[in-house]
C-alpha atoms as a PDB file:
ATOM      1  CA  UNK A   1      17.035   4.485   8.155  1.00  0.00           C
ATOM      2  CA  UNK A   2      15.471   6.543  10.527  1.00  0.00           C
ATOM      3  CA  UNK A   3      15.476  10.197   9.043  1.00  0.00           C
ATOM      4  CA  UNK A   4      14.971  12.281  12.284  1.00  0.00           C
ATOM      5  CA  UNK A   5      13.572  11.981  15.634  1.00  0.00           C
ATOM      6  CA  UNK A   6      11.053  14.436  16.917  1.00  0.00           C
ATOM      7  CA  UNK A   7      10.097  14.625  20.269  1.00  0.00           C
ATOM      8  CA  UNK A   8      10.633  15.622  24.057  1.00  0.00           C
ATOM      9  CA  UNK A   9      14.026  15.925  25.521  1.00  0.00           C
ATOM     10  CA  UNK A  10      13.595  12.970  28.780  1.00  0.00           C
ATOM     11  CA  UNK A  11      17.461  12.970  29.670  1.00  0.00           C
ATOM     12  CA  UNK A  12      20.981  14.358  28.420  1.00  0.00           C
ATOM     13  CA  UNK A  13      24.471  14.415  29.004  1.00  0.00           C
ATOM     14  CA  UNK A  14      27.595  15.582  27.325  1.00  0.00           C
ATOM     15  CA  UNK A  15      27.509  12.791  24.613  1.00  0.00           C
ATOM     16  CA  UNK A  16      23.731  11.833  24.378  1.00  0.00           C
ATOM     17  CA  UNK A  17      20.285  13.093  24.335  1.00  0.00           C
ATOM     18  CA  UNK A  18      17.066  10.697  24.737  1.00  0.00           C
ATOM     19  CA  UNK A  19      14.166  11.997  23.019  1.00  0.00           C
ATOM     20  CA  UNK A  20      10.853  10.367  23.716  1.00  0.00           C
ATOM     21  CA  UNK A  21       8.281  10.131  21.076  1.00  0.00           C
ATOM     22  CA  UNK A  22       5.188   8.055  20.747  1.00  0.00           C
ATOM     23  CA  UNK A  23       5.984   6.825  24.376  1.00  0.00           C
ATOM     24  CA  UNK A  24       9.365   5.171  23.000  1.00  0.00           C
ATOM     25  CA  UNK A  25      12.326   7.055  24.035  1.00  0.00           C
ATOM     26  CA  UNK A  26      15.269   7.265  21.462  1.00  0.00           C
ATOM     27  CA  UNK A  27      18.950   6.977  22.802  1.00  0.00           C
ATOM     28  CA  UNK A  28      20.775   9.128  20.404  1.00  0.00           C
ATOM     29  CA  UNK A  29      24.667   9.809  20.716  1.00  0.00           C
ATOM     30  CA  UNK A  30      25.464  13.109  20.114  1.00  0.00           C
ATOM     31  CA  UNK A  31      28.172  15.887  19.782  1.00  0.00           C
ATOM     32  CA  UNK A  32      29.027  18.150  22.697  1.00  0.00           C
ATOM     33  CA  UNK A  33      27.590  21.229  20.701  1.00  0.00           C
ATOM     34  CA  UNK A  34      24.151  19.148  19.825  1.00  0.00           C
ATOM     35  CA  UNK A  35      23.924  18.023  23.710  1.00  0.00           C
ATOM     36  CA  UNK A  36      24.285  21.689  24.822  1.00  0.00           C
ATOM     37  CA  UNK A  37      21.587  22.838  22.391  1.00  0.00           C
ATOM     38  CA  UNK A  38      19.164  20.106  23.640  1.00  0.00           C
ATOM     39  CA  UNK A  39      20.000  20.677  27.158  1.00  0.00           C
ATOM     40  CA  UNK A  40      16.953  21.172  28.941  1.00  0.00           C
ATOM     41  CA  UNK A  41      14.575  17.848  30.017  1.00  0.00           C
ATOM     42  CA  UNK A  42      11.121  18.843  28.855  1.00  0.00           C
ATOM     43  CA  UNK A  43      11.990  20.670  25.672  1.00  0.00           C
ATOM     44  CA  UNK A  44      11.013  19.412  22.265  1.00  0.00           C
ATOM     45  CA  UNK A  45      13.883  19.299  19.694  1.00  0.00           C
ATOM     46  CA  UNK A  46      14.309  17.090  16.278  1.00  0.00           C
ATOM     47  CA  UNK A  47      17.643  15.647  15.888  1.00  0.00           C
ATOM     48  CA  UNK A  48      18.643  14.362  12.322  1.00  0.00           C
ATOM     49  CA  UNK A  49      19.663  11.018  12.701  1.00  0.00           C
ATOM     50  CA  UNK A  50      22.246   8.084  11.415  1.00  0.00           C
ATOM     51  CA  UNK A  51      22.151   4.616  12.409  1.00  0.00           C
ATOM     52  CA  UNK A  52      24.948   2.611  12.416  1.00  0.00           C
ATOM     53  CA  UNK A  53      24.666  -1.306  12.517  1.00  0.00           C
ATOM     54  CA  UNK A  54      27.372  -3.578  13.956  1.00  0.00           C
ATOM     55  CA  UNK A  55      27.303  -7.420  14.368  1.00  0.00           C
ATOM     56  CA  UNK A  56      26.967  -6.553  18.312  1.00  0.00           C
ATOM     57  CA  UNK A  57      24.991  -3.480  18.435  1.00  0.00           C
ATOM     58  CA  UNK A  58      22.779  -0.686  16.630  1.00  0.00           C
ATOM     59  CA  UNK A  59      23.485   3.054  17.576  1.00  0.00           C
ATOM     60  CA  UNK A  60      21.665   5.980  16.487  1.00  0.00           C
ATOM     61  CA  UNK A  61      23.511   9.234  16.405  1.00  0.00           C
ATOM     62  CA  UNK A  62      21.515  12.471  16.540  1.00  0.00           C
ATOM     63  CA  UNK A  63      22.479  15.796  15.019  1.00  0.00           C
ATOM     64  CA  UNK A  64      20.795  19.130  15.847  1.00  0.00           C
ATOM     65  CA  UNK A  65      21.317  20.170  12.269  1.00  0.00           C
ATOM     66  CA  UNK A  66      21.719  18.702   8.626  1.00  0.00           C
ATOM     67  CA  UNK A  67      25.557  20.165   8.351  1.00  0.00           C
ATOM     68  CA  UNK A  68      26.916  18.332  11.416  1.00  0.00           C
ATOM     69  CA  UNK A  69      25.101  15.152  10.386  1.00  0.00           C
ATOM     70  CA  UNK A  70      26.767  15.767   6.958  1.00  0.00           C
ATOM     71  CA  UNK A  71      30.375  16.450   8.241  1.00  0.00           C
ATOM     72  CA  UNK A  72      29.750  13.497  10.416  1.00  0.00           C
ATOM     73  CA  UNK A  73      28.778  10.976   7.613  1.00  0.00           C
ATOM     74  CA  UNK A  74      31.694  12.879   5.565  1.00  0.00           C
ATOM     75  CA  UNK A  75      34.033  12.187   8.465  1.00  0.00           C
ATOM     76  CA  UNK A  76      33.151   8.298   8.860  1.00  0.00           C
ATOM     77  CA  UNK A  77      34.316   7.457   5.206  1.00  0.00           C
ATOM     78  CA  UNK A  78      37.935   8.134   5.827  1.00  0.00           C
ATOM     79  CA  UNK A  79      39.446   4.653   6.822  1.00  0.00           C
ATOM     80  CA  UNK A  80      40.384   4.703  10.599  1.00  0.00           C
ATOM     81  CA  UNK A  81      37.580   7.044  11.562  1.00  0.00           C
ATOM     82  CA  UNK A  82      34.737   5.732  13.209  1.00  0.00           C
ATOM     83  CA  UNK A  83      31.410   7.033  14.567  1.00  0.00           C
ATOM     84  CA  UNK A  84      32.901   7.931  17.937  1.00  0.00           C
ATOM     85  CA  UNK A  85      36.247   9.944  16.796  1.00  0.00           C
ATOM     86  CA  UNK A  86      33.716  11.454  14.131  1.00  0.00           C
ATOM     87  CA  UNK A  87      31.907  12.524  17.116  1.00  0.00           C
ATOM     88  CA  UNK A  88      35.183  13.984  18.990  1.00  0.00           C
ATOM     89  CA  UNK A  89      35.996  16.100  16.119  1.00  0.00           C
ATOM     90  CA  UNK A  90      32.586  17.521  16.208  1.00  0.00           C
ATOM     91  CA  UNK A  91      32.404  18.159  19.835  1.00  0.00           C
ATOM     92  CA  UNK A  92      35.762  20.325  19.266  1.00  0.00           C
ATOM     93  CA  UNK A  93      34.981  21.959  15.971  1.00  0.00           C
ATOM     94  CA  UNK A  94      31.520  23.048  14.247  1.00  0.00           C
ATOM     95  CA  UNK A  95      30.809  21.334  11.043  1.00  0.00           C
ATOM     96  CA  UNK A  96      31.949  24.833   9.210  1.00  0.00           C
ATOM     97  CA  UNK A  97      35.301  24.630  11.102  1.00  0.00           C
ATOM     98  CA  UNK A  98      35.862  21.210  10.193  1.00  0.00           C
ATOM     99  CA  UNK A  99      35.262  21.677   6.456  1.00  0.00           C
ATOM    100  CA  UNK A 100      37.512  24.994   6.400  1.00  0.00           C
ATOM    101  CA  UNK A 101      40.288  23.358   8.652  1.00  0.00           C
ATOM    102  CA  UNK A 102      40.232  20.141   5.863  1.00  0.00           C
ATOM    103  CA  UNK A 103      40.242  23.050   2.754  1.00  0.00           C
ATOM    104  CA  UNK A 104      43.147  24.928   4.356  1.00  0.00           C
ATOM    105  CA  UNK A 105      45.064  21.809   4.870  1.00  0.00           C
ATOM    106  CA  UNK A 106      45.120  22.581   8.352  1.00  0.00           C
ATOM    107  CA  UNK A 107      45.147  19.175  10.151  1.00  0.00           C
ATOM    108  CA  UNK A 108      46.684  20.087  13.571  1.00  0.00           C
ATOM    109  CA  UNK A 109      43.163  21.836  14.033  1.00  0.00           C
ATOM    110  CA  UNK A 110      41.557  18.531  13.915  1.00  0.00           C
ATOM    111  CA  UNK A 111      43.952  17.316  16.580  1.00  0.00           C
ATOM    112  CA  UNK A 112      42.388  19.190  18.915  1.00  0.00           C
ATOM    113  CA  UNK A 113      39.769  16.288  19.363  1.00  0.00           C
ATOM    114  CA  UNK A 114      40.230  13.716  21.857  1.00  0.00           C
ATOM    115  CA  UNK A 115      42.036  10.763  20.182  1.00  0.00           C
ATOM    116  CA  UNK A 116      42.667  12.147  17.021  1.00  0.00           C
ATOM    117  CA  UNK A 117      46.734  12.068  16.305  1.00  0.00           C
ATOM    118  CA  UNK A 118      48.762  13.694  13.631  1.00  0.00           C
ATOM    119  CA  UNK A 119      48.583  10.963  11.317  1.00  0.00           C
ATOM    120  CA  UNK A 120      44.612  10.216  11.132  1.00  0.00           C
ATOM    121  CA  UNK A 121      44.281  14.015  11.103  1.00  0.00           C
ATOM    122  CA  UNK A 122      46.301  14.106   7.737  1.00  0.00           C
ATOM    123  CA  UNK A 123      44.595  11.189   6.424  1.00  0.00           C
ATOM    124  CA  UNK A 124      41.345  12.985   7.093  1.00  0.00           C
ATOM    125  CA  UNK A 125      42.901  16.249   5.507  1.00  0.00           C
ATOM    126  CA  UNK A 126      43.862  14.325   2.456  1.00  0.00           C
ATOM    127  CA  UNK A 127      41.351  12.023   1.825  1.00  0.00           C
ATOM    128  CA  UNK A 128      38.346  14.668   2.027  1.00  0.00           C
ATOM    129  CA  UNK A 129      40.191  18.161   0.624  1.00  0.00           C
ATOM    130  CA  UNK A 130      38.700  17.552  -2.622  1.00  0.00           C
ATOM    131  CA  UNK A 131      35.005  16.511  -1.109  1.00  0.00           C
ATOM    132  CA  UNK A 132      34.512  19.497   1.415  1.00  0.00           C
ATOM    133  CA  UNK A 133      32.615  21.643  -1.187  1.00  0.00           C
ATOM    134  CA  UNK A 134      30.186  19.619  -2.229  1.00  0.00           C
ATOM    135  CA  UNK A 135      28.977  18.471   1.309  1.00  0.00           C
ATOM    136  CA  UNK A 136      28.628  21.936   2.365  1.00  0.00           C
ATOM    137  CA  UNK A 137      26.086  23.516   0.257  1.00  0.00           C
ATOM    138  CA  UNK A 138      25.525  26.929   1.773  1.00  0.00           C
ATOM    139  CA  UNK A 139      26.526  29.756  -0.220  1.00  0.00           C
ATOM    140  CA  UNK A 140      28.564  31.469   2.260  1.00  0.00           C
ATOM    141  CA  UNK A 141      30.333  28.415   3.287  1.00  0.00           C
ATOM    142  CA  UNK A 142      31.023  27.273  -0.282  1.00  0.00           C
ATOM    143  CA  UNK A 143      32.115  30.317  -1.396  1.00  0.00           C
ATOM    144  CA  UNK A 144      34.824  30.636   1.953  1.00  0.00           C
ATOM    145  CA  UNK A 145      36.074  27.156   1.041  1.00  0.00           C
ATOM    146  CA  UNK A 146      36.588  28.002  -2.574  1.00  0.00           C
ATOM    147  CA  UNK A 147      38.789  31.278  -1.391  1.00  0.00           C
ATOM    148  CA  UNK A 148      40.800  29.324   1.145  1.00  0.00           C
ATOM    149  CA  UNK A 149      41.422  26.470  -1.273  1.00  0.00           C
ATOM    150  CA  UNK A 150      42.946  29.084  -3.331  1.00  0.00           C
ATOM    151  CA  UNK A 151      45.065  31.059  -0.806  1.00  0.00           C
ATOM    152  CA  UNK A 152      47.936  28.301  -1.187  1.00  0.00           C
ATOM    153  CA  UNK A 153      47.984  28.683  -4.913  1.00  0.00           C
ATOM    154  CA  UNK A 154      49.225  32.360  -4.353  1.00  0.00           C
ATOM    155  CA  UNK A 155      52.531  32.687  -3.234  1.00  0.00           C
ATOM    156  CA  UNK A 156      52.138  36.121  -1.538  1.00  0.00           C
ATOM    157  CA  UNK A 157      48.810  34.915   0.090  1.00  0.00           C
ATOM    158  CA  UNK A 158      50.767  31.753   1.577  1.00  0.00           C
ATOM    159  CA  UNK A 159      53.986  33.732   3.072  1.00  0.00           C
ATOM    160  CA  UNK A 160      51.099  35.820   4.604  1.00  0.00           C
ATOM    161  CA  UNK A 161      49.378  32.598   6.211  1.00  0.00           C
ATOM    162  CA  UNK A 162      52.736  31.458   7.134  1.00  0.00           C
ATOM    163  CA  UNK A 163      53.439  34.738   9.046  1.00  0.00           C
ATOM    164  CA  UNK A 164      49.966  34.873  10.368  1.00  0.00           C
ATOM    165  CA  UNK A 165      50.615  30.995  12.225  1.00  0.00           C
ATOM    166  CA  UNK A 166      53.983  32.218  13.136  1.00  0.00           C
ATOM    167  CA  UNK A 167      52.192  34.621  15.147  1.00  0.00           C
ATOM    168  CA  UNK A 168      49.583  32.124  16.938  1.00  0.00           C
ATOM    169  CA  UNK A 169      46.747  31.791  14.654  1.00  0.00           C
ATOM    170  CA  UNK A 170      45.385  28.431  12.981  1.00  0.00           C
ATOM    171  CA  UNK A 171      46.273  27.736   9.570  1.00  0.00           C
ATOM    172  CA  UNK A 172      42.333  27.987   8.940  1.00  0.00           C
ATOM    173  CA  UNK A 173      42.426  31.024  10.580  1.00  0.00           C
ATOM    174  CA  UNK A 174      44.906  32.809   8.750  1.00  0.00           C
ATOM    175  CA  UNK A 175      43.579  31.357   5.373  1.00  0.00           C
ATOM    176  CA  UNK A 176      40.031  32.749   5.895  1.00  0.00           C
ATOM    177  CA  UNK A 177      41.312  36.013   7.182  1.00  0.00           C
ATOM    178  CA  UNK A 178      43.742  36.285   4.016  1.00  0.00           C
ATOM    179  CA  UNK A 179      41.339  35.183   1.364  1.00  0.00           C
ATOM    180  CA  UNK A 180      39.316  38.066   2.116  1.00  0.00           C
ATOM    181  CA  UNK A 181      41.814  40.363   1.271  1.00  0.00           C
ATOM    182  CA  UNK A 182      43.067  41.516  -2.331  1.00  0.00           C
ATOM    183  CA  UNK A 183      45.618  39.371  -4.076  1.00  0.00           C
ATOM    184  CA  UNK A 184      47.385  42.429  -5.378  1.00  0.00           C
ATOM    185  CA  UNK A 185      48.471  43.539  -1.744  1.00  0.00           C
ATOM    186  CA  UNK A 186      52.376  43.271  -0.526  1.00  0.00           C
ATOM    187  CA  UNK A 187      53.022  40.653   2.044  1.00  0.00           C
ATOM    188  CA  UNK A 188      53.113  43.072   4.694  1.00  0.00           C
ATOM    189  CA  UNK A 189      49.737  44.634   4.174  1.00  0.00           C
ATOM    190  CA  UNK A 190      48.270  41.670   3.995  1.00  0.00           C
ATOM    191  CA  UNK A 191      49.506  40.291   7.431  1.00  0.00           C
ATOM    192  CA  UNK A 192      48.533  44.265   8.948  1.00  0.00           C
ATOM    193  CA  UNK A 193      44.703  43.756   7.314  1.00  0.00           C
ATOM    194  CA  UNK A 194      44.532  40.233   8.313  1.00  0.00           C
ATOM    195  CA  UNK A 195      45.598  41.144  11.871  1.00  0.00           C
ATOM    196  CA  UNK A 196      42.723  43.460  12.215  1.00  0.00           C
ATOM    197  CA  UNK A 197      40.198  40.920  10.897  1.00  0.00           C
ATOM    198  CA  UNK A 198      41.513  38.721  13.304  1.00  0.00           C
ATOM    199  CA  UNK A 199      41.722  40.964  16.197  1.00  0.00           C
ATOM    200  CA  UNK A 200      38.143  42.117  15.868  1.00  0.00           C
ATOM    201  CA  UNK A 201      36.963  38.423  16.366  1.00  0.00           C
ATOM    202  CA  UNK A 202      38.533  38.242  19.959  1.00  0.00           C
END
């Protein structure tokens, strides 16, 4: 297993970065986010890698940070999600946003990725909802995942999330905003305060 590749970028496009080290250039399939961070021929980079071995080919996948690699590895454990689909998801959403969408049960956010339909998105949420907390180890993300997961269990917060969705926010965006509020607030006050949070991000 190749843990990482460190070297000089010699070529790149929206889905690939070629990194030369020791006279050998490694062709790494990447998410759009990683490709954009490496978008300068001659720059020095380190990509954390995953080697996918098939009967007819070996493919090396490269990621700019470990959280994106961990998310990729988590996604491909789902039946029907291959490496290319996992890359498509990570090209549309950051690793943290994938985790928050899964924790909030927001499968619709995942369908924004090319080739991801509602059925497979629902399967991803169903199979990974209980696993995202252990995969994403940063304290900030872990706390947010816990808070988002608890939102659906409280009737007033669930109502506030539903109202925010009707106003055009995604379930995960609404859940994150509401999870930061005092659960004893009225639904109306939750909506007002959540809207202030969300409008400040625009």
